[in-house]
Structures are given as C-alpha cells and as structure tokens.
Amino acid sequence: MPNKRGTKKTPTNSVRALKAEVNQKLLELTEANRRLRRKIFDLYTIFELSRNFNAVLNYETLLDSFVLTSMGQMGAAKAALYLPLDIGRKEFQLARIKGSPPYPDKEIIIDPDGRFGRYITALNRPIHIEDITMKFTTADGIGFVNYFPSGLVIPLIFQTILRGVLIISVKVSDRKYLDDDIEFLSILSNQTAVSIENARLYESESEALNKLQKAQELLLQTERLAALGELSAKIAHEVNNPLGIIKNYLVLIRRNEAGGEGNSEYLDIVSQEIDRIAAIVRQLLDFHRPRVIRFIPIDIGQVLNEVVSLVGRQMNDAGITIDVKIKKEMPLIMAWPDGLKQVFLNLLINARDAIKGGGQVTIEAGADEMTVTIHFRDTGPGIEERHIPHIFEPFYTTKEQTGGTGLGLSVCYGIIKNHGGSIEYCNTGPGGCFIVRLPIEQKEADYDWRI
C-alpha cells in the first residue's frame, strides 16, 4: 500500500531472510541432486566395470585393466598397484605401474601385517597420502610416498583381509579428490579385490591342471615303455614258436636229403610257418600305424555291403548266412573307408570262426543326430565273461589252438578310436554282439594316427 508520500514499502528484514533461506535450500537441493546423479552414474560405472573385470580370467590382463581404469576415471597422472607376487608370500611388491615417471623403487615392500598395513585394513577406505605421512614413517613401509607426494592410498580388501594396495597420484587437473571420488574408489577397489582373487584362483587352478597333465603324460610315457617291454616279450614269443618249428623241420629235411621221402610235406609246413610270421609282422604294422589317414564322406551301408560280398563265399562254405539290415536315409559320415573295411572284415571273420556247424550273422546299422551305430550279432557260443575285459588288448587271444595272434581286435580298436568312436562287445545269449559307434560330424581332412 502506498504511504502518504506515494512510495511502496521496502521489504522487511524477515522477508529478506526468508528469501535467502529459500535460495540456500534451492542451492542445497541442486547440490544434492547433482550428487545423487553422480552416485547413480558411479554405481552404474562400477557395475559395468565389475562385470567386465569378473569376465577377465587372465590375471595379468585384469591388473592392467584395473590400474588404467582407476587412473582414467579419476583423471590421475600416475598409479601403482602392490600385490603379493609369489604364491605363499604375504608381502606386497610393485605389480603394476602406469603413468608418467618417476616410478617407485621395486625394492619397496608393503607388509600387510605391519603398522601401516593393519591401519588401512581397519580403515577400509581410501586415505589421502598427506594423512599417511603424518602418521607413519618410511620404516613403516610407506617408501612409495617419495614418488607420490600427494594423492590417495586405496586398500584392496577381500573377506576382511588386505589383498593389495593401489596408490593414485594427484589429478592432472590439480583438483582435489572429492568425497564422491573417494566413495567411488572404495567401492571399485572392493569389487576388484574379488575379481583379482578369482583370477588368481583361476591361474592357480590352471597351473595345477598343467602340472597334472604333465604328470599324466609322464605316467602315460612310462606305461608305454612298460607296454613296449611286454609287447617285445610277446613278439619274441609269438615269432619264436614258428621259428622253432621251421628249424626242426629244416633239420628233418637235411636228414632226408638222401632218400628225399617226406621233404615235400616238411617244406609245406615250413612255408606255412613263414606265412604265419609274415602275418604277425603285418598285423603288428597295422596295430601301430604311424601314418596319415584320409577322412572322406562315405555311405556306411555301401561299405558294409562291399565287405559282406568279400566274405560271402567263405560264409556260404561254412554254412553261415548274413542278414544286413540298414535303416533308410542313413547319413553320410566322415571316415577312413579302408580302415572301416578292415574293422568290419575282421569282425565277420571272428564271427565265422566262432560259429561251428552253420549259423547266422546279423548286421544292423542305424543313426541318430550325432552317431551311427552298427551291431554285429552272431549265433556262436559267445565269449567267456573272464575274457571280455581283455579282448581288445594286443596278443590276447581265445583262439590259441587255431593260431590266433591276438592282434585283430586290437587293430579294430585302434582304427575306431582314431575315428573318435567306440567299439565294445557283449554276450547276447545265445551268441555275441560287437557294437561299433562312429560320430557323424567330422571334418574332411588328413589326420595323424592318434594312438
């Protein structure tokens, strides 16, 4: 209301105070809002960084990422990370240093159980280097302050135990570290301590696994040498038998040189025994075949029919019929055709030898999405249970009376294993059954003989 002189009244002191208070509240709300947005951004950043750190299992890569990320987020000129470098050692040594020199002396060691180590563990948050120099001396393990006169020390704590220390220099902009910066580094360091521990455990597990693999390789080599010794003894035994027979019959031939009677029969026996030695050597070469094999697309049904046609006459002469049942729309598989023919032929010959007085062999082939499975069933007497665990071992034979060498099934086992498949036997009562499984998905390529 205008006064008697026609002018407005000026605001009272209380109104001015109210306006000032309102303005102050607005400033506080604005600052609170800024800090809230900063916290949300920092939490999101920490979440993303933690997720990325946890995905890094390489220990060295993780350390580099952590130090560079901390520097980048804070705008610091330099950062150093102290960790235990040796397994079983507590003291921290310089593990990473990034930024501009001068760099701390590598001889500087931080003892987590010393006064300084215990202090920052109990504090469990970043602390200004200036505050540290007021509380501790170089003798307490803070020699790094000579290279970081100001900045922050951030403890890395996992399960209440100090696992490392990160030192960050002043910002490049010379601005002070705010409370928000300290809170950000505190959360990030704790999250990173977990990631570092996980990566360290992974590295330790990998190292232990490598040692185990080397021990297994050494054991395998030892077993191979032992098997080689056993194999050599069995080869000597197998070859010595026909050689002894040959020697005896050559003596008889020499004695009969004058009369000449029976020499023809003796020579036939010598020839048979030489063939036996040749067969043993040939099967040994098949058993250990250090050569390249070629995998090509093949029709397993066509390969089976070709093998059946090869032995058809022998089977007919022995009174054995072969029934082949191949499911329609069988997939092509990548395989070594000559090797599979040798396997199938060997299994059919074994069935022929097992069946006495006529019988039947049934071959069934089918497939699922991953595997082709072939059953070879016969109506023979089967194999005694005590022999079954050993039938794929070299020189183990149940046909000693008929001159079996015990190498045929070993050769089959090696060929199927080189295909990444499996072969097994079971009695079906009556008769027995060999089951061959072969993977469908393989690359067309040359492969080294793998066993």
Protein backbone atom coordinates (compact mmCIF):
# COMPACT_ATOMS: atom_id res chain seq x y z
CA MET A 1 0.00 0.00 0.00
CA PRO A 2 1.44 3.38 -0.86
CA ASN A 3 2.40 5.60 2.06
CA LYS A 4 1.40 9.18 2.48
CA ARG A 5 4.30 10.26 0.27
CA GLY A 6 3.17 7.87 -2.59
CA THR A 7 6.06 5.28 -2.41
CA LYS A 8 5.96 1.47 -1.79
CA LYS A 9 7.12 -0.04 1.43
CA THR A 10 10.57 -1.73 1.32
CA PRO A 11 10.77 -5.46 2.24
CA THR A 12 11.26 -6.11 5.88
CA ASN A 13 14.29 -7.95 7.28
CA SER A 14 12.20 -11.09 7.81
CA VAL A 15 11.22 -11.25 4.14
CA ARG A 16 14.82 -10.85 3.03
CA ALA A 17 15.86 -13.61 5.45
CA LEU A 18 13.12 -15.90 4.07
CA LYS A 19 14.26 -15.33 0.51
CA ALA A 20 17.85 -16.02 1.46
CA GLU A 21 16.79 -19.22 3.19
CA VAL A 22 14.78 -20.30 0.14
CA ASN A 23 17.75 -19.62 -2.13
CA GLN A 24 20.01 -21.59 0.22
CA LYS A 25 17.59 -24.53 0.17
CA LEU A 26 17.48 -24.40 -3.62
CA LEU A 27 21.27 -24.49 -3.74
CA GLU A 28 21.34 -27.42 -1.33
CA LEU A 29 18.71 -29.29 -3.34
CA THR A 30 20.62 -28.61 -6.54
CA GLU A 31 23.83 -29.91 -4.97
CA ALA A 32 22.00 -32.91 -3.53
CA ASN A 33 20.52 -33.63 -6.94
CA ARG A 34 23.97 -33.33 -8.56
CA ARG A 35 25.49 -35.70 -6.02
CA LEU A 36 22.61 -38.14 -6.46
CA ARG A 37 23.12 -38.17 -10.22
CA ARG A 38 26.85 -38.63 -9.67
CA LYS A 39 26.19 -41.57 -7.33
CA ILE A 40 23.85 -43.18 -9.84
CA PHE A 41 26.42 -42.72 -12.60
CA ASP A 42 29.24 -44.01 -10.39
CA LEU A 43 27.22 -47.07 -9.33
CA TYR A 44 26.37 -47.86 -12.94
CA THR A 45 30.01 -47.40 -13.92
CA ILE A 46 31.16 -49.67 -11.08
CA PHE A 47 28.59 -52.27 -12.09
CA GLU A 48 29.83 -52.30 -15.69
CA LEU A 49 33.47 -52.30 -14.66
CA SER A 50 32.93 -55.11 -12.14
CA ARG A 51 31.11 -57.17 -14.74
CA ASN A 52 33.95 -56.66 -17.20
CA PHE A 53 36.59 -57.40 -14.57
CA ASN A 54 34.83 -60.60 -13.49
CA ALA A 55 34.78 -61.73 -17.12
CA VAL A 56 38.58 -61.36 -17.34
CA LEU A 57 40.20 -64.55 -16.09
CA ASN A 58 43.68 -63.68 -17.27
CA TYR A 59 45.42 -62.35 -14.16
CA GLU A 60 47.89 -60.05 -15.94
CA THR A 61 45.23 -58.52 -18.18
CA LEU A 62 42.99 -57.86 -15.18
CA LEU A 63 45.74 -55.95 -13.33
CA ASP A 64 46.40 -53.74 -16.33
CA SER A 65 42.68 -53.05 -16.77
CA PHE A 66 42.16 -52.16 -13.11
CA VAL A 67 45.08 -49.71 -12.89
CA LEU A 68 44.30 -47.98 -16.20
CA THR A 69 40.58 -47.77 -15.39
CA SER A 70 41.25 -46.25 -11.97
CA MET A 71 43.55 -43.64 -13.49
CA GLY A 72 41.11 -42.85 -16.27
CA GLN A 73 38.09 -42.49 -14.00
CA MET A 74 39.94 -40.19 -11.59
CA GLY A 75 41.99 -38.31 -14.18
CA ALA A 76 45.16 -39.20 -12.28
CA ALA A 77 48.67 -38.75 -13.65
CA LYS A 78 50.12 -41.97 -12.24
CA ALA A 79 49.10 -45.12 -10.37
CA ALA A 80 50.91 -48.09 -8.80
CA LEU A 81 49.48 -51.42 -7.67
CA TYR A 82 51.11 -53.50 -4.92
CA LEU A 83 50.28 -57.21 -4.63
CA PRO A 84 51.92 -60.42 -3.36
CA LEU A 85 53.95 -61.55 -6.35
CA ASP A 86 54.87 -65.02 -5.11
CA ILE A 87 52.49 -67.76 -4.02
CA GLY A 88 52.58 -68.24 -0.27
CA ARG A 89 54.22 -64.85 0.36
CA LYS A 90 52.35 -62.12 2.28
CA GLU A 91 54.45 -59.03 1.48
CA PHE A 92 53.25 -56.78 -1.33
CA GLN A 93 55.61 -55.74 -4.12
CA LEU A 94 55.13 -53.48 -7.12
CA ALA A 95 52.96 -55.45 -9.56
CA ARG A 96 51.89 -52.66 -11.94
CA ILE A 97 52.89 -49.03 -12.57
CA LYS A 98 51.21 -46.79 -15.13
CA GLY A 99 51.56 -43.13 -15.98
CA SER A 100 54.43 -40.68 -16.02
CA PRO A 101 57.73 -41.28 -14.14
CA PRO A 102 59.47 -41.25 -11.73
CA TYR A 103 58.46 -44.75 -10.69
CA PRO A 104 58.79 -46.30 -7.22
CA ASP A 105 61.78 -48.49 -6.46
CA LYS A 106 60.91 -52.18 -6.93
CA GLU A 107 62.59 -52.92 -3.62
CA ILE A 108 59.82 -51.11 -1.73
CA ILE A 109 57.71 -53.67 0.15
CA ILE A 110 54.40 -53.20 1.97
CA ASP A 111 53.81 -55.56 4.86
CA PRO A 112 50.05 -56.18 5.33
CA ASP A 113 50.74 -57.24 8.92
CA GLY A 114 52.82 -54.13 9.70
CA ARG A 115 51.55 -50.92 11.33
CA PHE A 116 50.64 -49.30 8.03
CA GLY A 117 49.03 -52.46 6.65
CA ARG A 118 46.91 -53.01 9.76
CA TYR A 119 45.85 -49.35 9.79
CA ILE A 120 44.49 -49.21 6.21
CA THR A 121 42.87 -52.64 6.70
CA ALA A 122 40.94 -51.34 9.72
CA LEU A 123 40.16 -48.10 7.89
CA ASN A 124 38.88 -49.98 4.80
CA ARG A 125 38.57 -46.89 2.61
CA PRO A 126 40.85 -44.61 0.55
CA ILE A 127 43.00 -42.19 2.52
CA HIS A 128 44.98 -39.12 1.47
CA ILE A 129 48.75 -39.62 1.28
CA GLU A 130 49.25 -36.42 3.30
CA ASP A 131 47.37 -38.05 6.21
CA ILE A 132 49.57 -41.14 5.96
CA THR A 133 52.82 -39.21 6.11
CA MET A 134 51.60 -37.59 9.34
CA LYS A 135 51.02 -40.98 10.98
CA PHE A 136 53.82 -43.19 9.63
CA THR A 137 57.47 -43.13 8.62
CA THR A 138 59.37 -44.77 5.80
CA ALA A 139 60.31 -47.55 8.23
CA ASP A 140 56.62 -48.50 8.35
CA GLY A 141 56.70 -49.46 4.66
CA ILE A 142 55.48 -46.24 3.01
CA GLY A 143 58.56 -45.61 0.88
CA PHE A 144 56.23 -45.05 -2.10
CA VAL A 145 55.36 -41.56 -0.72
CA ASN A 146 58.66 -40.32 -2.13
CA TYR A 147 57.18 -40.91 -5.60
CA PHE A 148 53.59 -39.98 -4.70
CA PRO A 149 53.89 -36.85 -2.51
CA SER A 150 50.12 -36.41 -2.72
CA GLY A 151 47.17 -38.43 -3.89
CA LEU A 152 45.30 -41.40 -2.45
CA VAL A 153 46.07 -44.81 -1.00
CA ILE A 154 43.29 -47.34 -1.67
CA PRO A 155 43.28 -50.69 0.19
CA LEU A 156 42.02 -53.76 -1.69
CA ILE A 157 40.22 -55.88 0.89
CA PHE A 158 38.59 -59.27 0.36
CA GLN A 159 36.90 -61.11 3.23
CA THR A 160 38.34 -58.61 5.76
CA ILE A 161 41.89 -59.39 4.59
CA LEU A 162 44.16 -56.88 2.85
CA ARG A 163 44.91 -58.33 -0.59
CA GLY A 164 46.70 -55.38 -2.18
CA VAL A 165 47.21 -51.60 -2.23
CA LEU A 166 46.55 -49.14 -5.05
CA ILE A 167 48.31 -45.73 -4.94
CA ILE A 168 46.98 -42.92 -7.16
CA SER A 169 48.74 -39.60 -7.70
CA VAL A 170 47.10 -36.18 -7.86
CA LYS A 171 44.76 -35.42 -10.71
CA VAL A 172 46.20 -34.00 -13.90
CA SER A 173 43.87 -31.02 -13.41
CA ASP A 174 45.29 -30.46 -9.87
CA ARG A 175 41.76 -30.60 -8.49
CA LYS A 176 41.26 -32.17 -5.10
CA TYR A 177 39.72 -35.58 -4.65
CA LEU A 178 36.09 -35.14 -3.58
CA ASP A 179 34.14 -37.37 -1.25
CA ASP A 180 32.37 -38.79 -4.27
CA ASP A 181 35.74 -39.78 -5.78
CA ILE A 182 36.79 -41.49 -2.57
CA GLU A 183 33.50 -43.37 -2.31
CA PHE A 184 33.76 -44.44 -5.96
CA LEU A 185 37.31 -45.77 -5.49
CA SER A 186 36.32 -47.50 -2.26
CA ILE A 187 33.52 -49.49 -3.92
CA LEU A 188 35.56 -50.17 -7.07
CA SER A 189 38.58 -51.43 -5.11
CA ASN A 190 36.48 -53.85 -3.05
CA GLN A 191 34.80 -55.21 -6.17
CA THR A 192 38.14 -55.51 -7.94
CA ALA A 193 39.67 -57.34 -4.98
CA VAL A 194 37.10 -60.08 -5.57
CA SER A 195 37.90 -60.17 -9.30
CA ILE A 196 41.65 -60.33 -8.65
CA GLU A 197 41.19 -63.16 -6.17
CA ASN A 198 39.03 -65.07 -8.67
CA ALA A 199 41.60 -64.56 -11.44
CA ARG A 200 44.41 -65.62 -9.10
CA LEU A 201 42.49 -68.79 -8.17
CA TYR A 202 41.84 -69.47 -11.85
CA GLU A 203 45.55 -69.07 -12.64
CA SER A 204 46.40 -71.36 -9.74
CA GLU A 205 43.89 -73.96 -10.93
CA SER A 206 45.26 -73.71 -14.47
CA GLU A 207 48.82 -74.17 -13.22
CA ALA A 208 47.76 -77.17 -11.13
CA LEU A 209 45.95 -78.62 -14.14
CA ASN A 210 49.03 -78.16 -16.33
CA LYS A 211 51.17 -79.93 -13.73
CA LEU A 212 48.62 -82.74 -13.56
CA GLN A 213 48.59 -83.06 -17.35
CA LYS A 214 52.39 -83.21 -17.43
CA ALA A 215 52.33 -85.85 -14.70
CA GLN A 216 49.75 -87.82 -16.68
CA GLU A 217 51.85 -87.54 -19.83
CA LEU A 218 54.88 -88.78 -17.90
CA LEU A 219 52.83 -91.63 -16.46
CA LEU A 220 51.50 -92.46 -19.91
CA GLN A 221 55.01 -92.47 -21.32
CA THR A 222 56.11 -94.77 -18.51
CA GLU A 223 53.18 -97.07 -19.20
CA ARG A 224 54.02 -97.07 -22.89
CA LEU A 225 57.60 -98.07 -22.13
CA ALA A 226 56.33 -100.84 -19.86
CA ALA A 227 53.86 -101.94 -22.54
CA LEU A 228 56.67 -101.83 -25.10
CA GLY A 229 58.72 -104.18 -22.95
CA GLU A 230 55.75 -106.53 -22.58
CA LEU A 231 55.00 -106.24 -26.28
CA SER A 232 58.59 -107.07 -27.18
CA ALA A 233 58.50 -110.18 -24.99
CA LYS A 234 55.22 -111.33 -26.58
CA ILE A 235 56.52 -110.66 -30.09
CA ALA A 236 59.61 -112.72 -29.32
CA HIS A 237 57.37 -115.50 -28.01
CA GLU A 238 54.99 -115.38 -30.98
CA VAL A 239 57.79 -115.34 -33.56
CA ASN A 240 59.99 -117.87 -31.76
CA ASN A 241 57.30 -120.56 -31.92
CA PRO A 242 57.14 -120.77 -35.74
CA LEU A 243 60.91 -120.22 -35.98
CA GLY A 244 61.46 -123.23 -33.73
CA ILE A 245 59.16 -125.33 -35.88
CA ILE A 246 60.94 -124.14 -39.04
CA LYS A 247 64.32 -125.03 -37.54
CA ASN A 248 63.18 -128.55 -36.57
CA TYR A 249 61.75 -129.27 -39.99
CA LEU A 250 64.86 -127.97 -41.73
CA VAL A 251 66.85 -130.48 -39.67
CA LEU A 252 64.47 -133.23 -40.81
CA ILE A 253 64.81 -132.11 -44.43
CA ARG A 254 68.60 -132.22 -44.15
CA ARG A 255 68.45 -135.72 -42.71
CA ASN A 256 66.18 -136.82 -45.55
CA GLU A 257 68.29 -135.34 -48.32
CA ALA A 258 69.49 -138.78 -49.40
CA GLY A 259 66.13 -140.52 -49.52
CA GLY A 260 64.02 -137.46 -50.25
CA GLU A 261 60.93 -139.00 -48.65
CA GLY A 262 58.66 -136.55 -46.83
CA ASN A 263 60.61 -133.47 -47.83
CA SER A 264 57.67 -132.03 -49.72
CA GLU A 265 55.42 -132.27 -46.65
CA TYR A 266 58.14 -130.74 -44.48
CA LEU A 267 58.61 -127.85 -46.90
CA ASP A 268 54.86 -127.19 -46.88
CA ILE A 269 54.95 -126.90 -43.09
CA VAL A 270 57.96 -124.56 -43.27
CA SER A 271 56.10 -122.41 -45.80
CA GLN A 272 53.03 -122.27 -43.55
CA GLU A 273 55.08 -121.17 -40.57
CA ILE A 274 56.84 -118.48 -42.62
CA ASP A 275 53.41 -117.22 -43.66
CA ARG A 276 52.45 -117.18 -40.00
CA ILE A 277 55.44 -114.99 -39.16
CA ALA A 278 54.60 -112.69 -42.05
CA ALA A 279 51.02 -112.40 -40.75
CA ILE A 280 52.26 -111.50 -37.27
CA VAL A 281 54.54 -108.79 -38.68
CA ARG A 282 51.78 -107.46 -40.95
CA GLN A 283 49.32 -107.23 -38.06
CA LEU A 284 51.96 -105.53 -35.93
CA LEU A 285 52.32 -102.89 -38.63
CA ASP A 286 48.56 -102.48 -38.68
CA PHE A 287 48.44 -102.30 -34.89
CA HIS A 288 50.91 -99.42 -34.76
CA ARG A 289 50.24 -97.41 -37.90
CA PRO A 290 52.18 -94.11 -37.69
CA ARG A 291 50.74 -92.61 -40.86
CA VAL A 292 48.23 -90.09 -42.10
CA ILE A 293 44.67 -91.27 -42.75
CA ARG A 294 42.18 -89.52 -45.01
CA PHE A 295 38.62 -88.87 -43.83
CA ILE A 296 36.10 -88.55 -46.70
CA PRO A 297 32.28 -88.70 -46.89
CA ILE A 298 31.17 -92.34 -47.07
CA ASP A 299 27.93 -94.31 -47.17
CA ILE A 300 28.25 -96.77 -44.29
CA GLY A 301 25.68 -99.10 -45.90
CA GLN A 302 27.69 -99.29 -49.11
CA VAL A 303 30.89 -100.08 -47.18
CA LEU A 304 29.13 -102.86 -45.24
CA ASN A 305 27.69 -104.41 -48.41
CA GLU A 306 31.13 -104.37 -50.08
CA VAL A 307 32.68 -106.19 -47.11
CA VAL A 308 29.82 -108.73 -47.00
CA SER A 309 30.36 -109.50 -50.69
CA LEU A 310 34.05 -110.18 -50.00
CA VAL A 311 33.36 -112.84 -47.38
CA GLY A 312 30.11 -114.16 -48.86
CA ARG A 313 31.65 -117.27 -50.38
CA GLN A 314 33.60 -118.16 -47.21
CA MET A 315 30.43 -117.77 -45.15
CA ASN A 316 28.43 -119.94 -47.53
CA ASP A 317 31.09 -122.64 -47.39
CA ALA A 318 30.86 -122.54 -43.56
CA GLY A 319 27.05 -122.75 -43.66
CA ILE A 320 26.63 -119.19 -42.36
CA THR A 321 24.07 -116.71 -43.70
CA ILE A 322 24.49 -112.94 -43.38
CA ASP A 323 21.47 -110.72 -42.87
CA VAL A 324 22.14 -107.00 -43.43
CA LYS A 325 19.57 -104.51 -42.07
CA ILE A 326 20.34 -100.87 -42.85
CA LYS A 327 17.83 -98.18 -41.94
CA LYS A 328 16.66 -95.90 -44.72
CA GLU A 329 18.06 -92.39 -45.13
CA MET A 330 21.31 -93.13 -43.33
CA PRO A 331 23.53 -90.00 -43.21
CA LEU A 332 26.92 -89.85 -44.84
CA ILE A 333 29.75 -89.85 -42.31
CA MET A 334 33.33 -88.60 -42.47
CA ALA A 335 35.55 -91.66 -42.13
CA TRP A 336 38.53 -93.60 -43.43
CA PRO A 337 36.88 -96.20 -45.70
CA ASP A 338 39.80 -98.65 -45.91
CA GLY A 339 40.13 -98.65 -42.13
CA LEU A 340 36.42 -99.35 -41.58
CA LYS A 341 36.51 -102.13 -44.18
CA GLN A 342 39.34 -103.73 -42.23
CA VAL A 343 37.32 -103.48 -38.99
CA PHE A 344 34.13 -104.93 -40.50
CA LEU A 345 36.04 -107.70 -42.26
CA ASN A 346 37.81 -108.66 -39.04
CA LEU A 347 34.53 -108.79 -37.10
CA LEU A 348 32.92 -111.01 -39.75
CA ILE A 349 35.92 -113.36 -39.79
CA ASN A 350 35.76 -113.59 -35.99
CA ALA A 351 32.06 -114.45 -36.27
CA ARG A 352 32.84 -117.14 -38.86
CA ASP A 353 35.49 -118.67 -36.58
CA ALA A 354 33.11 -118.61 -33.61
CA ILE A 355 30.16 -120.30 -35.36
CA LYS A 356 30.50 -124.07 -35.66
CA GLY A 357 28.24 -126.17 -37.83
CA GLY A 358 26.44 -123.27 -39.50
CA GLY A 359 24.54 -120.29 -38.20
CA GLN A 360 23.76 -116.68 -38.87
CA VAL A 361 25.35 -113.23 -38.64
CA THR A 362 23.06 -110.21 -38.43
CA ILE A 363 24.36 -106.72 -39.21
CA GLU A 364 22.14 -103.80 -38.20
CA ALA A 365 23.02 -100.16 -38.89
CA GLY A 366 21.13 -97.11 -37.65
CA ALA A 367 21.77 -93.49 -36.72
CA ASP A 368 20.64 -90.64 -34.52
CA GLU A 369 21.58 -86.96 -34.85
CA MET A 370 25.16 -87.44 -33.70
CA THR A 371 26.15 -91.10 -34.10
CA VAL A 372 25.98 -94.07 -36.46
CA THR A 373 25.67 -97.37 -34.59
CA ILE A 374 26.38 -100.80 -36.13
CA HIS A 375 25.63 -104.15 -34.42
CA PHE A 376 27.36 -107.38 -35.49
CA ARG A 377 25.41 -110.28 -33.93
CA ASP A 378 26.27 -113.94 -34.40
CA THR A 379 24.78 -117.23 -33.25
CA GLY A 380 28.06 -118.62 -31.93
CA PRO A 381 28.79 -119.63 -28.33
CA GLY A 382 29.85 -116.11 -27.26
CA ILE A 383 32.94 -115.24 -25.23
CA GLU A 384 33.53 -116.31 -21.65
CA GLU A 385 32.97 -113.43 -19.24
CA ARG A 386 36.52 -113.65 -17.88
CA HIS A 387 37.92 -112.95 -21.36
CA ILE A 388 35.69 -109.98 -22.33
CA PRO A 389 37.66 -107.22 -20.47
CA HIS A 390 40.85 -108.25 -22.32
CA ILE A 391 39.76 -108.98 -25.89
CA PHE A 392 40.99 -105.62 -27.24
CA GLU A 393 44.43 -105.99 -25.65
CA PRO A 394 47.27 -106.80 -28.06
CA PHE A 395 48.25 -110.50 -28.21
CA TYR A 396 45.32 -111.55 -26.03
CA THR A 397 43.60 -114.37 -27.91
CA THR A 398 40.97 -117.02 -27.22
CA LYS A 399 41.93 -118.85 -30.44
CA GLU A 400 45.32 -120.20 -29.46
CA GLN A 401 44.53 -123.66 -30.82
CA THR A 402 43.70 -122.25 -34.26
CA GLY A 403 46.75 -119.98 -34.38
CA GLY A 404 45.18 -116.64 -33.44
CA THR A 405 47.69 -113.85 -32.85
CA GLY A 406 45.51 -111.67 -30.63
CA LEU A 407 46.11 -108.60 -32.79
CA GLY A 408 42.96 -108.43 -34.92
CA LEU A 409 40.66 -106.82 -32.36
CA SER A 410 43.48 -104.53 -31.17
CA VAL A 411 43.77 -103.23 -34.72
CA CYS A 412 39.99 -102.72 -34.85
CA TYR A 413 40.07 -100.85 -31.54
CA GLY A 414 42.83 -98.52 -32.80
CA ILE A 415 41.00 -97.73 -36.06
CA ILE A 416 37.68 -96.97 -34.35
CA LYS A 417 39.37 -94.81 -31.67
CA ASN A 418 41.09 -92.83 -34.42
CA HIS A 419 37.61 -92.09 -35.75
CA GLY A 420 36.62 -90.72 -32.34
CA GLY A 421 34.24 -93.66 -31.93
CA SER A 422 33.92 -96.72 -29.71
CA ILE A 423 33.75 -100.49 -30.03
CA GLU A 424 32.51 -102.90 -27.37
CA TYR A 425 31.37 -106.49 -27.01
CA CYS A 426 28.56 -108.16 -25.10
CA ASN A 427 27.13 -111.67 -24.95
CA THR A 428 23.53 -111.87 -26.14
CA GLY A 429 22.73 -115.47 -25.18
CA PRO A 430 22.97 -117.24 -27.48
CA GLY A 431 25.81 -115.69 -29.39
CA GLY A 432 27.66 -112.44 -29.06
CA CYS A 433 27.49 -108.90 -30.40
CA PHE A 434 30.07 -106.28 -31.30
CA ILE A 435 28.76 -102.70 -31.21
CA VAL A 436 30.55 -100.03 -33.22
CA ARG A 437 29.68 -96.34 -32.78
CA LEU A 438 31.01 -93.65 -35.10
CA PRO A 439 30.49 -89.86 -34.92
CA ILE A 440 28.77 -88.23 -37.89
CA GLU A 441 30.13 -84.69 -37.64
CA GLN A 442 33.83 -84.67 -38.55
CA LYS A 443 35.86 -82.59 -40.96
CA GLU A 444 37.06 -83.87 -44.31
CA ALA A 445 40.81 -83.79 -43.76
CA ASP A 446 44.03 -85.73 -43.29
CA TYR A 447 44.52 -86.96 -39.73
CA ASP A 448 47.61 -88.25 -38.00
CA TRP A 449 47.29 -91.71 -36.48
CA ARG A 450 46.46 -90.77 -32.88
CA ILE A 451 47.09 -93.94 -30.84
